Every structure is written in structure tokens, then in C-alpha cells.
Amino acid sequence: MTIKEVSKQYGITSDTLRYYERIGMIPPVTRTASGIRDYQESDLSWVQLAICMRGAGLPVEVMIEYVKLFQEGDTTIPARLQLLQEQREALLIQKKQIDETLERLNYKISIYEVAVETGELIWDNKEE
């Protein structure tokens, strides 16, 4: 696939794809004999991973480190495992914070929904 096709398929710019490759967030992309990027399935897997991890808030530096470790070979499997476990833990903490925020918002929404129906805003001393 061309960079334009990949860009369209994943909804990111060609510049972003080049940037990911340039900084090492994805390994170097397969190229044709004339040097044009020719994304193969393995390249697309890296693009998908980068998009997924960035969407979850994974720091760029962590992704770069992961790719670097991957390129060093199987001796880095324990280090890659640890890196992924640490990121999972960070995401679980973030998820807990999001769940708590959603719970608070749902409570507030329910109070306001009742107020819209009854014309009266009633709090149970939790807040406001």
C-alpha cells in the first residue's frame, strides 16, 4: 500500500506516518526498489499499534523504546513484557479515574433530569 492509501485507511496524515517512522515509533517501512514506501502487512500492524497506543495516551517515548527493544531481538522479550505491563498499569489507573468521573457525572445528570421533570432541583447534600 502507498502512504496515501495507508493515510486514508487509518485516518491519519501522511506527515504523521512519516513522523512515526522518522522518530522510531514504528520500524522503517518496506520500500520499493526506487525508495517509495510500500506498506506491507507487518508495517500496517506497527501503524495500527502506534495509533492504538497513542489513542490510549501512551507516551511517544515508550513506543519508541518498545520498537527499539523489538529490533534488538528476542533477548529483549523480558524488557518488552515489563514495559507493556507498566503501561497496562498506568492505563488501569487512568481507567479508574475515568470511571470515577463518569460515576459523578451520571449522578449529576440524574439530579438534573429529575429537576427538568419536576421543576425542582433537589440535592442530597453530596455537593452543590
Protein backbone atom coordinates (compact mmCIF):
# COMPACT_ATOMS: atom_id res chain seq x y z
CA MET A 1 0.00 0.00 0.00
CA THR A 2 1.14 3.53 -0.63
CA ILE A 3 1.46 6.07 2.15
CA LYS A 4 -1.59 7.84 0.74
CA GLU A 5 -3.66 4.64 0.95
CA VAL A 6 -2.50 3.95 4.49
CA SER A 7 -3.22 7.54 5.46
CA LYS A 8 -6.76 7.23 4.13
CA GLN A 9 -7.37 3.80 5.65
CA TYR A 10 -6.33 4.82 9.16
CA GLY A 11 -7.44 8.43 9.12
CA ILE A 12 -4.03 9.94 9.83
CA THR A 13 -1.94 12.19 7.68
CA SER A 14 0.97 11.10 5.54
CA ASP A 15 3.09 13.53 7.56
CA THR A 16 2.13 11.69 10.76
CA LEU A 17 3.10 8.35 9.22
CA ARG A 18 6.46 9.77 8.13
CA TYR A 19 6.95 11.28 11.60
CA TYR A 20 6.19 7.96 13.33
CA GLU A 21 8.82 6.29 11.14
CA ARG A 22 11.38 9.09 11.46
CA ILE A 23 11.34 9.15 15.28
CA GLY A 24 11.26 5.36 15.60
CA MET A 25 7.69 4.92 16.77
CA ILE A 26 7.32 2.34 14.01
CA PRO A 27 10.18 0.44 12.38
CA PRO A 28 11.37 1.54 8.95
CA VAL A 29 8.66 0.84 6.39
CA THR A 30 9.28 -1.53 3.49
CA ARG A 31 10.31 0.36 0.36
CA THR A 32 10.27 -0.35 -3.34
CA ALA A 33 13.50 -0.54 -5.35
CA SER A 34 13.07 3.15 -6.11
CA GLY A 35 12.73 4.03 -2.41
CA ILE A 36 8.97 4.62 -2.26
CA ARG A 37 7.22 3.41 0.88
CA ASP A 38 5.30 0.20 0.18
CA TYR A 39 3.43 -0.74 3.35
CA GLN A 40 3.20 -4.50 3.89
CA GLU A 41 1.03 -6.30 6.46
CA SER A 42 3.82 -6.18 9.05
CA ASP A 43 4.18 -2.42 8.51
CA LEU A 44 0.43 -1.96 8.87
CA SER A 45 0.48 -3.90 12.14
CA TRP A 46 3.01 -1.41 13.52
CA VAL A 47 0.92 1.53 12.30
CA GLN A 48 -2.17 0.05 13.98
CA LEU A 49 -0.26 -0.47 17.22
CA ALA A 50 1.09 3.09 17.17
CA ILE A 51 -2.37 4.56 16.55
CA CYS A 52 -3.91 2.41 19.27
CA MET A 53 -1.24 3.22 21.84
CA ARG A 54 -1.24 6.95 21.08
CA GLY A 55 -5.03 6.97 21.28
CA ALA A 56 -4.77 5.49 24.76
CA GLY A 57 -2.28 8.16 25.79
CA LEU A 58 0.86 6.05 25.70
CA PRO A 59 3.86 8.39 25.66
CA VAL A 60 5.77 8.57 22.38
CA GLU A 61 8.99 7.76 24.24
CA VAL A 62 7.55 4.46 25.47
CA MET A 63 6.54 3.42 21.98
CA ILE A 64 9.99 4.33 20.67
CA GLU A 65 11.60 2.26 23.42
CA TYR A 66 9.32 -0.69 22.63
CA VAL A 67 10.25 -0.59 18.92
CA LYS A 68 13.93 -0.30 19.80
CA LEU A 69 13.71 -3.34 22.08
CA PHE A 70 11.81 -5.28 19.42
CA GLN A 71 14.51 -4.55 16.87
CA GLU A 72 17.19 -5.80 19.27
CA GLY A 73 15.66 -9.27 19.14
CA ASP A 74 14.30 -11.96 21.41
CA THR A 75 16.77 -11.27 24.22
CA THR A 76 14.64 -8.20 24.99
CA ILE A 77 11.40 -10.13 25.48
CA PRO A 78 11.50 -9.73 29.30
CA ALA A 79 12.10 -5.98 28.95
CA ARG A 80 9.26 -5.64 26.44
CA LEU A 81 6.96 -7.58 28.74
CA GLN A 82 7.83 -5.30 31.66
CA LEU A 83 7.30 -2.18 29.55
CA LEU A 84 3.87 -3.39 28.43
CA GLN A 85 2.89 -4.38 31.96
CA GLU A 86 3.86 -0.94 33.25
CA GLN A 87 1.78 0.73 30.56
CA ARG A 88 -1.17 -1.52 31.33
CA GLU A 89 -0.94 -0.49 34.99
CA ALA A 90 -0.86 3.20 34.02
CA LEU A 91 -3.92 2.69 31.80
CA LEU A 92 -5.78 0.88 34.59
CA ILE A 93 -5.15 3.83 36.90
CA GLN A 94 -6.37 6.19 34.20
CA LYS A 95 -9.43 3.99 33.62
CA LYS A 96 -10.26 4.07 37.34
CA GLN A 97 -10.11 7.87 37.29
CA ILE A 98 -12.35 7.98 34.22
CA ASP A 99 -14.83 5.54 35.83
CA GLU A 100 -14.99 7.72 38.97
CA THR A 101 -15.58 10.82 36.86
CA LEU A 102 -18.33 9.07 34.89
CA GLU A 103 -19.99 7.99 38.13
CA ARG A 104 -20.02 11.58 39.38
CA LEU A 105 -21.33 12.88 36.05
CA ASN A 106 -24.06 10.23 35.96
CA TYR A 107 -25.15 11.28 39.46
CA LYS A 108 -25.29 14.95 38.47
CA ILE A 109 -27.15 14.13 35.26
CA SER A 110 -29.76 12.12 37.19
CA ILE A 111 -30.34 15.06 39.57
CA TYR A 112 -30.82 17.44 36.65
CA GLU A 113 -33.09 15.01 34.79
CA VAL A 114 -35.38 14.90 37.81
CA ALA A 115 -35.21 18.69 38.06
CA VAL A 116 -36.26 19.02 34.41
CA GLU A 117 -39.22 16.70 35.00
CA THR A 118 -40.34 18.20 38.32
CA GLY A 119 -39.16 21.77 38.02
CA GLU A 120 -37.31 21.39 41.32
CA LEU A 121 -33.60 20.88 41.91
CA ILE A 122 -33.03 18.65 44.95
CA TRP A 123 -29.60 17.62 46.20
CA ASP A 124 -28.92 15.01 48.85
CA ASN A 125 -26.09 17.03 50.48
CA LYS A 126 -23.39 15.35 48.43
CA GLU A 127 -22.49 18.55 46.61
CA GLU A 128 -23.74 21.85 45.26
